[in-house]
Amino acid sequence: MNAIMALRKKLNKGKGIDGPGAQLVIGIILVVTIMIVLLPILITVLLSLKTNYEISMGIWKLPEQFKWGNWSIGFNQLLPNMLNSIAICLLSTAGIVFFSSISAYVFTRHSFPGKEALFYAIIALMIVPAVLTLTPSYVLMIDLGIKNTWWALLFHYIAGGQIGAIFLLRTFMSQQPGELFEAAKMDGAGEWVMYAKIAVPLAIPIISVQAVTSFSSIYNDFLWPILVIDEQSKQTLMPVLRALTNQTQGEYREQGISYAMFLLSGLPLVFTTLFGLRYFINGDFASGMKL
């Protein structure tokens, strides 16, 4: 009897969401959600390691012999265009972070006539649908004579990525302690010193999040590279991924290679996402903010 009473007391110890019943339900929901999210990936992994005959037998049947060669062939086919995508993403992301952080610093630490009006004018561009700017941007690239070059990609991505980045970084930098900048100014620090040694280091978590977001959106972009890049050797990965999989599958007569290529194409995004998540996991997101 005493054991039953002790068990009831233990079960009723927590209230609301902290109670054991609520925690059990939350745990079950999380497990089911994770399984649903990972299920398509697991199926694709299995298909990538099978022969054509094993694929035709069903998606759940394990392969008799894992064909890791499919991954090797797929990676070799993807590598040139994947390197193009990574290079474009790194350069564009660096440009977005650099220019937007400078703009955010100016909007935060300086006062000048029309500052708020200019800032709101920049933010107002967020409501303009991206599709409306495609034609003017395309004509501009032709007029500049940079169509079918990486400059057409870099200019478009760096310019287009400023709007949201300036808003995000300015919001974050406005929460940084002003006393640090006042003390640095009294010690004779110039604007570039305060920007590079105070504002940017304190904003590293949000800058990293912005960098990961920009990298992912540029890497996954499909439409703009198709419009401005004509040669496949200069093209980024996503616009030519389907063509590469069809070409490779037709050459090697193995469907598993196509599935392997789809999986391998997402590896850069996995690494960049893990890099950004570590700031949330470590609790560094709010560092440098006036809380």
C-alpha atoms as a PDB file:
ATOM      1  CA  MET A   1       0.000   0.000   0.000  1.00  0.00           C
ATOM      2  CA  ASN A   2       2.801   2.368   0.907  1.00  0.00           C
ATOM      3  CA  ALA A   3       4.565   1.533  -2.370  1.00  0.00           C
ATOM      4  CA  ILE A   4       1.424   2.413  -4.363  1.00  0.00           C
ATOM      5  CA  MET A   5       1.035   5.702  -2.531  1.00  0.00           C
ATOM      6  CA  ALA A   6       4.700   6.551  -3.127  1.00  0.00           C
ATOM      7  CA  LEU A   7       4.311   5.795  -6.840  1.00  0.00           C
ATOM      8  CA  ARG A   8       1.232   8.028  -7.085  1.00  0.00           C
ATOM      9  CA  LYS A   9       3.046  10.809  -5.269  1.00  0.00           C
ATOM     10  CA  LYS A  10       5.982  10.500  -7.658  1.00  0.00           C
ATOM     11  CA  LEU A  11       3.743  10.583 -10.711  1.00  0.00           C
ATOM     12  CA  ASN A  12       1.889  13.638  -9.428  1.00  0.00           C
ATOM     13  CA  LYS A  13       5.061  15.493  -8.487  1.00  0.00           C
ATOM     14  CA  GLY A  14       5.198  17.519 -11.690  1.00  0.00           C
ATOM     15  CA  LYS A  15       2.411  19.790 -12.821  1.00  0.00           C
ATOM     16  CA  GLY A  16       1.405  20.761 -16.330  1.00  0.00           C
ATOM     17  CA  ILE A  17       4.058  20.243 -18.966  1.00  0.00           C
ATOM     18  CA  ASP A  18       6.623  19.263 -16.319  1.00  0.00           C
ATOM     19  CA  GLY A  19       4.589  16.262 -15.240  1.00  0.00           C
ATOM     20  CA  PRO A  20       5.716  12.758 -16.230  1.00  0.00           C
ATOM     21  CA  GLY A  21       2.615  12.146 -18.327  1.00  0.00           C
ATOM     22  CA  ALA A  22       3.154  15.294 -20.369  1.00  0.00           C
ATOM     23  CA  GLN A  23       6.846  14.528 -20.771  1.00  0.00           C
ATOM     24  CA  LEU A  24       6.007  11.017 -21.993  1.00  0.00           C
ATOM     25  CA  VAL A  25       3.589  12.394 -24.593  1.00  0.00           C
ATOM     26  CA  ILE A  26       6.164  14.958 -25.737  1.00  0.00           C
ATOM     27  CA  GLY A  27       8.797  12.246 -26.031  1.00  0.00           C
ATOM     28  CA  ILE A  28       6.519  10.041 -28.129  1.00  0.00           C
ATOM     29  CA  ILE A  29       5.627  12.970 -30.426  1.00  0.00           C
ATOM     30  CA  LEU A  30       9.295  13.827 -30.899  1.00  0.00           C
ATOM     31  CA  VAL A  31      10.239  10.233 -31.712  1.00  0.00           C
ATOM     32  CA  VAL A  32       7.394   9.876 -34.210  1.00  0.00           C
ATOM     33  CA  THR A  33       8.255  13.223 -35.816  1.00  0.00           C
ATOM     34  CA  ILE A  34      11.917  12.281 -36.173  1.00  0.00           C
ATOM     35  CA  MET A  35      10.992   8.929 -37.695  1.00  0.00           C
ATOM     36  CA  ILE A  36       8.669  10.602 -40.219  1.00  0.00           C
ATOM     37  CA  VAL A  37      11.364  13.117 -41.182  1.00  0.00           C
ATOM     38  CA  LEU A  38      14.121  10.505 -41.525  1.00  0.00           C
ATOM     39  CA  LEU A  39      11.999   7.888 -43.307  1.00  0.00           C
ATOM     40  CA  PRO A  40      12.381   9.311 -46.864  1.00  0.00           C
ATOM     41  CA  ILE A  41      16.132   9.669 -46.317  1.00  0.00           C
ATOM     42  CA  LEU A  42      16.406   6.087 -45.101  1.00  0.00           C
ATOM     43  CA  ILE A  43      14.446   4.821 -48.112  1.00  0.00           C
ATOM     44  CA  THR A  44      16.677   6.793 -50.488  1.00  0.00           C
ATOM     45  CA  VAL A  45      19.809   5.395 -48.824  1.00  0.00           C
ATOM     46  CA  LEU A  46      18.522   1.848 -49.254  1.00  0.00           C
ATOM     47  CA  LEU A  47      17.621   2.436 -52.905  1.00  0.00           C
ATOM     48  CA  SER A  48      21.040   3.930 -53.616  1.00  0.00           C
ATOM     49  CA  LEU A  49      22.737   0.711 -52.478  1.00  0.00           C
ATOM     50  CA  LYS A  50      20.648  -1.709 -54.572  1.00  0.00           C
ATOM     51  CA  THR A  51      20.793  -3.127 -58.043  1.00  0.00           C
ATOM     52  CA  ASN A  52      17.987  -2.423 -60.512  1.00  0.00           C
ATOM     53  CA  TYR A  53      16.484  -5.846 -59.837  1.00  0.00           C
ATOM     54  CA  GLU A  54      16.473  -5.300 -56.067  1.00  0.00           C
ATOM     55  CA  ILE A  55      14.851  -1.887 -56.514  1.00  0.00           C
ATOM     56  CA  SER A  56      12.065  -3.483 -58.558  1.00  0.00           C
ATOM     57  CA  MET A  57      11.452  -5.994 -55.741  1.00  0.00           C
ATOM     58  CA  GLY A  58      10.443  -3.262 -53.298  1.00  0.00           C
ATOM     59  CA  ILE A  59      11.843  -0.399 -51.249  1.00  0.00           C
ATOM     60  CA  TRP A  60      11.963  -2.236 -47.902  1.00  0.00           C
ATOM     61  CA  LYS A  61      13.962  -5.254 -48.945  1.00  0.00           C
ATOM     62  CA  LEU A  62      17.570  -4.974 -47.836  1.00  0.00           C
ATOM     63  CA  PRO A  63      20.168  -5.375 -50.602  1.00  0.00           C
ATOM     64  CA  GLU A  64      21.998  -8.676 -50.714  1.00  0.00           C
ATOM     65  CA  GLN A  65      25.248  -6.812 -51.300  1.00  0.00           C
ATOM     66  CA  PHE A  66      25.624  -3.100 -50.687  1.00  0.00           C
ATOM     67  CA  LYS A  67      26.708  -1.318 -53.870  1.00  0.00           C
ATOM     68  CA  TRP A  68      28.892   1.436 -52.458  1.00  0.00           C
ATOM     69  CA  GLY A  69      30.243   1.907 -55.954  1.00  0.00           C
ATOM     70  CA  ASN A  70      27.044   3.808 -56.778  1.00  0.00           C
ATOM     71  CA  TRP A  71      28.108   6.512 -54.330  1.00  0.00           C
ATOM     72  CA  SER A  72      31.597   6.705 -55.775  1.00  0.00           C
ATOM     73  CA  ILE A  73      30.326   7.073 -59.340  1.00  0.00           C
ATOM     74  CA  GLY A  74      27.691   9.605 -58.298  1.00  0.00           C
ATOM     75  CA  PHE A  75      30.178  11.723 -56.381  1.00  0.00           C
ATOM     76  CA  ASN A  76      32.584  11.862 -59.313  1.00  0.00           C
ATOM     77  CA  GLN A  77      29.778  12.996 -61.618  1.00  0.00           C
ATOM     78  CA  LEU A  78      28.552  15.680 -59.212  1.00  0.00           C
ATOM     79  CA  LEU A  79      31.908  17.027 -58.097  1.00  0.00           C
ATOM     80  CA  PRO A  80      32.624  19.697 -60.795  1.00  0.00           C
ATOM     81  CA  ASN A  81      29.244  21.416 -60.513  1.00  0.00           C
ATOM     82  CA  MET A  82      29.138  20.931 -56.744  1.00  0.00           C
ATOM     83  CA  LEU A  83      32.458  22.767 -56.455  1.00  0.00           C
ATOM     84  CA  ASN A  84      30.977  25.544 -58.590  1.00  0.00           C
ATOM     85  CA  SER A  85      28.030  25.816 -56.208  1.00  0.00           C
ATOM     86  CA  ILE A  86      30.229  25.817 -53.110  1.00  0.00           C
ATOM     87  CA  ALA A  87      32.501  28.513 -54.541  1.00  0.00           C
ATOM     88  CA  ILE A  88      29.555  30.716 -55.544  1.00  0.00           C
ATOM     89  CA  CYS A  89      27.874  30.199 -52.168  1.00  0.00           C
ATOM     90  CA  LEU A  90      31.004  31.011 -50.155  1.00  0.00           C
ATOM     91  CA  LEU A  91      31.815  34.154 -52.139  1.00  0.00           C
ATOM     92  CA  SER A  92      28.219  35.378 -52.131  1.00  0.00           C
ATOM     93  CA  THR A  93      27.737  34.635 -48.445  1.00  0.00           C
ATOM     94  CA  ALA A  94      30.959  36.455 -47.568  1.00  0.00           C
ATOM     95  CA  GLY A  95      29.805  39.478 -49.574  1.00  0.00           C
ATOM     96  CA  ILE A  96      26.355  39.461 -47.980  1.00  0.00           C
ATOM     97  CA  VAL A  97      27.742  39.234 -44.442  1.00  0.00           C
ATOM     98  CA  PHE A  98      30.445  41.862 -45.021  1.00  0.00           C
ATOM     99  CA  PHE A  99      28.303  44.570 -46.602  1.00  0.00           C
ATOM    100  CA  SER A 100      25.225  43.959 -44.454  1.00  0.00           C
ATOM    101  CA  SER A 101      27.240  44.004 -41.220  1.00  0.00           C
ATOM    102  CA  ILE A 102      28.804  47.343 -42.190  1.00  0.00           C
ATOM    103  CA  SER A 103      25.380  48.769 -43.047  1.00  0.00           C
ATOM    104  CA  ALA A 104      23.894  47.438 -39.811  1.00  0.00           C
ATOM    105  CA  TYR A 105      26.751  48.975 -37.816  1.00  0.00           C
ATOM    106  CA  VAL A 106      26.208  52.377 -39.447  1.00  0.00           C
ATOM    107  CA  PHE A 107      22.456  52.262 -38.840  1.00  0.00           C
ATOM    108  CA  THR A 108      23.034  51.270 -35.220  1.00  0.00           C
ATOM    109  CA  ARG A 109      25.928  53.504 -34.108  1.00  0.00           C
ATOM    110  CA  HIS A 110      25.492  56.634 -36.226  1.00  0.00           C
ATOM    111  CA  SER A 111      22.846  59.298 -36.565  1.00  0.00           C
ATOM    112  CA  PHE A 112      22.324  61.158 -39.820  1.00  0.00           C
ATOM    113  CA  PRO A 113      19.406  62.889 -41.542  1.00  0.00           C
ATOM    114  CA  GLY A 114      16.909  60.463 -42.999  1.00  0.00           C
ATOM    115  CA  LYS A 115      18.386  57.413 -41.276  1.00  0.00           C
ATOM    116  CA  GLU A 116      15.070  55.898 -40.237  1.00  0.00           C
ATOM    117  CA  ALA A 117      13.449  56.696 -43.576  1.00  0.00           C
ATOM    118  CA  LEU A 118      16.316  55.026 -45.419  1.00  0.00           C
ATOM    119  CA  PHE A 119      16.152  51.982 -43.170  1.00  0.00           C
ATOM    120  CA  TYR A 120      12.406  51.604 -43.662  1.00  0.00           C
ATOM    121  CA  ALA A 121      12.860  52.033 -47.396  1.00  0.00           C
ATOM    122  CA  ILE A 122      15.287  49.107 -47.369  1.00  0.00           C
ATOM    123  CA  ILE A 123      12.930  46.993 -45.282  1.00  0.00           C
ATOM    124  CA  ALA A 124      10.026  47.868 -47.601  1.00  0.00           C
ATOM    125  CA  LEU A 125      11.825  45.985 -50.371  1.00  0.00           C
ATOM    126  CA  MET A 126      11.068  42.765 -48.455  1.00  0.00           C
ATOM    127  CA  ILE A 127       7.436  42.964 -49.585  1.00  0.00           C
ATOM    128  CA  VAL A 128       8.400  43.049 -53.279  1.00  0.00           C
ATOM    129  CA  PRO A 129       8.040  39.540 -54.783  1.00  0.00           C
ATOM    130  CA  ALA A 130      11.347  38.251 -56.088  1.00  0.00           C
ATOM    131  CA  VAL A 131       9.785  37.236 -59.399  1.00  0.00           C
ATOM    132  CA  LEU A 132       9.133  40.904 -60.225  1.00  0.00           C
ATOM    133  CA  THR A 133      12.859  41.646 -60.206  1.00  0.00           C
ATOM    134  CA  LEU A 134      13.889  38.781 -62.475  1.00  0.00           C
ATOM    135  CA  THR A 135      13.376  40.567 -65.784  1.00  0.00           C
ATOM    136  CA  PRO A 136      15.098  43.845 -64.773  1.00  0.00           C
ATOM    137  CA  SER A 137      17.962  41.886 -63.225  1.00  0.00           C
ATOM    138  CA  TYR A 138      18.348  39.747 -66.331  1.00  0.00           C
ATOM    139  CA  VAL A 139      18.402  42.797 -68.603  1.00  0.00           C
ATOM    140  CA  LEU A 140      20.943  44.448 -66.309  1.00  0.00           C
ATOM    141  CA  MET A 141      23.279  41.450 -66.532  1.00  0.00           C
ATOM    142  CA  ILE A 142      23.105  41.597 -70.335  1.00  0.00           C
ATOM    143  CA  ASP A 143      23.745  45.352 -70.383  1.00  0.00           C
ATOM    144  CA  LEU A 144      26.752  44.901 -68.108  1.00  0.00           C
ATOM    145  CA  GLY A 145      28.105  42.186 -70.403  1.00  0.00           C
ATOM    146  CA  ILE A 146      28.477  39.612 -67.647  1.00  0.00           C
ATOM    147  CA  LYS A 147      25.857  37.067 -68.713  1.00  0.00           C
ATOM    148  CA  ASN A 148      27.216  33.513 -68.676  1.00  0.00           C
ATOM    149  CA  THR A 149      29.814  34.478 -66.065  1.00  0.00           C
ATOM    150  CA  TRP A 150      29.968  33.992 -62.322  1.00  0.00           C
ATOM    151  CA  TRP A 151      29.748  37.767 -61.874  1.00  0.00           C
ATOM    152  CA  ALA A 152      26.092  37.580 -62.887  1.00  0.00           C
ATOM    153  CA  LEU A 153      25.485  35.171 -60.019  1.00  0.00           C
ATOM    154  CA  LEU A 154      27.613  36.997 -57.452  1.00  0.00           C
ATOM    155  CA  PHE A 155      26.167  40.465 -58.074  1.00  0.00           C
ATOM    156  CA  HIS A 156      22.609  39.163 -57.949  1.00  0.00           C
ATOM    157  CA  TYR A 157      23.037  37.130 -54.775  1.00  0.00           C
ATOM    158  CA  ILE A 158      25.059  39.720 -52.854  1.00  0.00           C
ATOM    159  CA  ALA A 159      22.706  42.571 -53.744  1.00  0.00           C
ATOM    160  CA  GLY A 160      19.554  40.547 -53.130  1.00  0.00           C
ATOM    161  CA  GLY A 161      20.755  39.144 -49.823  1.00  0.00           C
ATOM    162  CA  GLN A 162      21.321  42.553 -48.219  1.00  0.00           C
ATOM    163  CA  ILE A 163      17.718  43.365 -47.313  1.00  0.00           C
ATOM    164  CA  GLY A 164      16.948  40.658 -44.793  1.00  0.00           C
ATOM    165  CA  ALA A 165      20.540  40.555 -43.535  1.00  0.00           C
ATOM    166  CA  ILE A 166      20.619  44.291 -42.743  1.00  0.00           C
ATOM    167  CA  PHE A 167      17.339  44.024 -40.844  1.00  0.00           C
ATOM    168  CA  LEU A 168      18.501  41.015 -38.828  1.00  0.00           C
ATOM    169  CA  LEU A 169      21.973  42.317 -38.016  1.00  0.00           C
ATOM    170  CA  ARG A 170      20.782  45.805 -37.149  1.00  0.00           C
ATOM    171  CA  THR A 171      18.214  44.372 -34.750  1.00  0.00           C
ATOM    172  CA  PHE A 172      20.918  42.310 -33.071  1.00  0.00           C
ATOM    173  CA  MET A 173      23.596  45.022 -32.990  1.00  0.00           C
ATOM    174  CA  SER A 174      21.175  47.540 -31.481  1.00  0.00           C
ATOM    175  CA  GLN A 175      21.115  45.331 -28.374  1.00  0.00           C
ATOM    176  CA  GLN A 176      24.877  45.408 -27.905  1.00  0.00           C
ATOM    177  CA  PRO A 177      26.013  47.458 -24.872  1.00  0.00           C
ATOM    178  CA  GLY A 178      26.726  51.011 -25.969  1.00  0.00           C
ATOM    179  CA  GLU A 179      29.156  51.462 -23.067  1.00  0.00           C
ATOM    180  CA  LEU A 180      31.689  49.244 -24.861  1.00  0.00           C
ATOM    181  CA  PHE A 181      31.767  51.549 -27.878  1.00  0.00           C
ATOM    182  CA  GLU A 182      31.908  54.673 -25.740  1.00  0.00           C
ATOM    183  CA  ALA A 183      34.872  53.272 -23.797  1.00  0.00           C
ATOM    184  CA  ALA A 184      36.633  52.274 -27.005  1.00  0.00           C
ATOM    185  CA  LYS A 185      36.075  55.740 -28.469  1.00  0.00           C
ATOM    186  CA  MET A 186      37.553  57.338 -25.335  1.00  0.00           C
ATOM    187  CA  ASP A 187      40.613  55.121 -25.784  1.00  0.00           C
ATOM    188  CA  GLY A 188      41.054  56.477 -29.297  1.00  0.00           C
ATOM    189  CA  ALA A 189      39.564  53.621 -31.310  1.00  0.00           C
ATOM    190  CA  GLY A 190      38.359  54.514 -34.782  1.00  0.00           C
ATOM    191  CA  GLU A 191      35.207  53.352 -36.504  1.00  0.00           C
ATOM    192  CA  TRP A 192      36.875  50.436 -38.285  1.00  0.00           C
ATOM    193  CA  VAL A 193      38.444  49.254 -35.029  1.00  0.00           C
ATOM    194  CA  MET A 194      35.123  49.365 -33.176  1.00  0.00           C
ATOM    195  CA  TYR A 195      33.409  47.613 -36.059  1.00  0.00           C
ATOM    196  CA  ALA A 196      36.021  44.882 -36.482  1.00  0.00           C
ATOM    197  CA  LYS A 197      36.969  44.301 -32.832  1.00  0.00           C
ATOM    198  CA  ILE A 198      33.735  44.954 -30.951  1.00  0.00           C
ATOM    199  CA  ALA A 199      30.608  44.868 -33.119  1.00  0.00           C
ATOM    200  CA  VAL A 200      31.520  41.905 -35.312  1.00  0.00           C
ATOM    201  CA  PRO A 201      32.940  39.609 -32.581  1.00  0.00           C
ATOM    202  CA  LEU A 202      29.861  40.199 -30.416  1.00  0.00           C
ATOM    203  CA  ALA A 203      27.615  39.468 -33.398  1.00  0.00           C
ATOM    204  CA  ILE A 204      29.353  36.249 -34.474  1.00  0.00           C
ATOM    205  CA  PRO A 205      26.381  33.988 -33.501  1.00  0.00           C
ATOM    206  CA  ILE A 206      23.826  35.942 -35.535  1.00  0.00           C
ATOM    207  CA  ILE A 207      26.305  36.434 -38.370  1.00  0.00           C
ATOM    208  CA  SER A 208      26.809  32.655 -38.470  1.00  0.00           C
ATOM    209  CA  VAL A 209      23.067  32.063 -38.597  1.00  0.00           C
ATOM    210  CA  GLN A 210      22.725  34.597 -41.409  1.00  0.00           C
ATOM    211  CA  ALA A 211      25.632  32.987 -43.256  1.00  0.00           C
ATOM    212  CA  VAL A 212      24.078  29.523 -43.009  1.00  0.00           C
ATOM    213  CA  THR A 213      20.714  30.849 -44.197  1.00  0.00           C
ATOM    214  CA  SER A 214      22.272  32.681 -47.144  1.00  0.00           C
ATOM    215  CA  PHE A 215      24.424  29.695 -48.086  1.00  0.00           C
ATOM    216  CA  SER A 216      21.412  27.365 -48.098  1.00  0.00           C
ATOM    217  CA  SER A 217      19.179  29.653 -50.161  1.00  0.00           C
ATOM    218  CA  ILE A 218      21.906  30.289 -52.755  1.00  0.00           C
ATOM    219  CA  TYR A 219      22.898  26.619 -52.946  1.00  0.00           C
ATOM    220  CA  ASN A 220      19.280  25.586 -53.565  1.00  0.00           C
ATOM    221  CA  ASP A 221      18.567  28.310 -56.117  1.00  0.00           C
ATOM    222  CA  PHE A 222      17.338  26.836 -59.372  1.00  0.00           C
ATOM    223  CA  LEU A 223      15.870  29.618 -61.492  1.00  0.00           C
ATOM    224  CA  TRP A 224      18.466  32.403 -61.611  1.00  0.00           C
ATOM    225  CA  PRO A 225      21.455  30.208 -62.658  1.00  0.00           C
ATOM    226  CA  ILE A 226      19.368  28.784 -65.501  1.00  0.00           C
ATOM    227  CA  LEU A 227      18.667  32.303 -66.786  1.00  0.00           C
ATOM    228  CA  VAL A 228      22.190  33.713 -66.719  1.00  0.00           C
ATOM    229  CA  ILE A 229      24.513  30.691 -67.141  1.00  0.00           C
ATOM    230  CA  ASP A 230      24.530  28.867 -70.481  1.00  0.00           C
ATOM    231  CA  GLU A 231      27.499  26.501 -70.200  1.00  0.00           C
ATOM    232  CA  GLN A 232      27.174  23.410 -68.026  1.00  0.00           C
ATOM    233  CA  SER A 233      30.830  23.625 -66.983  1.00  0.00           C
ATOM    234  CA  LYS A 234      30.116  27.000 -65.316  1.00  0.00           C
ATOM    235  CA  GLN A 235      26.732  26.015 -63.953  1.00  0.00           C
ATOM    236  CA  THR A 236      25.882  25.434 -60.305  1.00  0.00           C
ATOM    237  CA  LEU A 237      24.652  22.042 -59.165  1.00  0.00           C
ATOM    238  CA  MET A 238      20.895  22.332 -58.688  1.00  0.00           C
ATOM    239  CA  PRO A 239      19.957  23.403 -62.245  1.00  0.00           C
ATOM    240  CA  VAL A 240      21.885  20.485 -63.767  1.00  0.00           C
ATOM    241  CA  LEU A 241      21.280  17.843 -61.086  1.00  0.00           C
ATOM    242  CA  ARG A 242      18.415  16.158 -62.912  1.00  0.00           C
ATOM    243  CA  ALA A 243      20.301  16.160 -66.206  1.00  0.00           C
ATOM    244  CA  LEU A 244      23.384  14.693 -64.516  1.00  0.00           C
ATOM    245  CA  THR A 245      21.403  11.905 -62.875  1.00  0.00           C
ATOM    246  CA  ASN A 246      19.683  10.970 -66.144  1.00  0.00           C
ATOM    247  CA  GLN A 247      22.972  11.061 -68.030  1.00  0.00           C
ATOM    248  CA  THR A 248      24.782   8.942 -65.434  1.00  0.00           C
ATOM    249  CA  GLN A 249      21.929   6.477 -65.081  1.00  0.00           C
ATOM    250  CA  GLY A 250      21.829   6.037 -68.849  1.00  0.00           C
ATOM    251  CA  GLU A 251      25.585   5.497 -69.012  1.00  0.00           C
ATOM    252  CA  TYR A 252      25.889   2.976 -66.172  1.00  0.00           C
ATOM    253  CA  ARG A 253      22.382   1.482 -66.362  1.00  0.00           C
ATOM    254  CA  GLU A 254      21.991   1.689 -62.573  1.00  0.00           C
ATOM    255  CA  GLN A 255      19.076   3.499 -60.919  1.00  0.00           C
ATOM    256  CA  GLY A 256      20.862   3.383 -57.564  1.00  0.00           C
ATOM    257  CA  ILE A 257      23.407   5.922 -58.830  1.00  0.00           C
ATOM    258  CA  SER A 258      20.639   8.503 -59.255  1.00  0.00           C
ATOM    259  CA  TYR A 259      19.497   8.056 -55.661  1.00  0.00           C
ATOM    260  CA  ALA A 260      23.078   8.305 -54.453  1.00  0.00           C
ATOM    261  CA  MET A 261      23.545  11.553 -56.380  1.00  0.00           C
ATOM    262  CA  PHE A 262      20.408  13.048 -54.826  1.00  0.00           C
ATOM    263  CA  LEU A 263      21.744  12.242 -51.366  1.00  0.00           C
ATOM    264  CA  LEU A 264      25.265  13.478 -52.051  1.00  0.00           C
ATOM    265  CA  SER A 265      23.998  16.773 -53.444  1.00  0.00           C
ATOM    266  CA  GLY A 266      22.764  17.745 -49.978  1.00  0.00           C
ATOM    267  CA  LEU A 267      25.998  17.113 -48.077  1.00  0.00           C
ATOM    268  CA  PRO A 268      27.213  20.763 -48.120  1.00  0.00           C
ATOM    269  CA  LEU A 269      23.914  21.844 -46.575  1.00  0.00           C
ATOM    270  CA  VAL A 270      24.263  19.234 -43.832  1.00  0.00           C
ATOM    271  CA  PHE A 271      27.680  20.543 -42.819  1.00  0.00           C
ATOM    272  CA  THR A 272      26.681  24.217 -42.914  1.00  0.00           C
ATOM    273  CA  THR A 273      23.499  23.559 -40.910  1.00  0.00           C
ATOM    274  CA  LEU A 274      25.424  21.664 -38.240  1.00  0.00           C
ATOM    275  CA  PHE A 275      27.868  24.576 -38.079  1.00  0.00           C
ATOM    276  CA  GLY A 276      25.064  27.046 -37.463  1.00  0.00           C
ATOM    277  CA  LEU A 277      23.164  24.889 -34.980  1.00  0.00           C
ATOM    278  CA  ARG A 278      26.089  24.672 -32.604  1.00  0.00           C
ATOM    279  CA  TYR A 279      25.504  28.290 -31.561  1.00  0.00           C
ATOM    280  CA  PHE A 280      21.968  27.422 -30.494  1.00  0.00           C
ATOM    281  CA  ILE A 281      23.020  24.208 -28.772  1.00  0.00           C
ATOM    282  CA  ASN A 282      25.822  25.942 -26.863  1.00  0.00           C
ATOM    283  CA  GLY A 283      23.576  28.849 -25.907  1.00  0.00           C
ATOM    284  CA  ASP A 284      25.792  31.405 -27.629  1.00  0.00           C
ATOM    285  CA  PHE A 285      23.018  33.027 -29.660  1.00  0.00           C
ATOM    286  CA  ALA A 286      22.428  35.787 -27.113  1.00  0.00           C
ATOM    287  CA  SER A 287      26.084  36.543 -26.423  1.00  0.00           C
ATOM    288  CA  GLY A 288      26.925  40.218 -26.721  1.00  0.00           C
ATOM    289  CA  MET A 289      23.325  41.298 -26.230  1.00  0.00           C
ATOM    290  CA  LYS A 290      22.093  43.618 -23.495  1.00  0.00           C
ATOM    291  CA  LEU A 291      19.783  41.279 -21.616  1.00  0.00           C
END
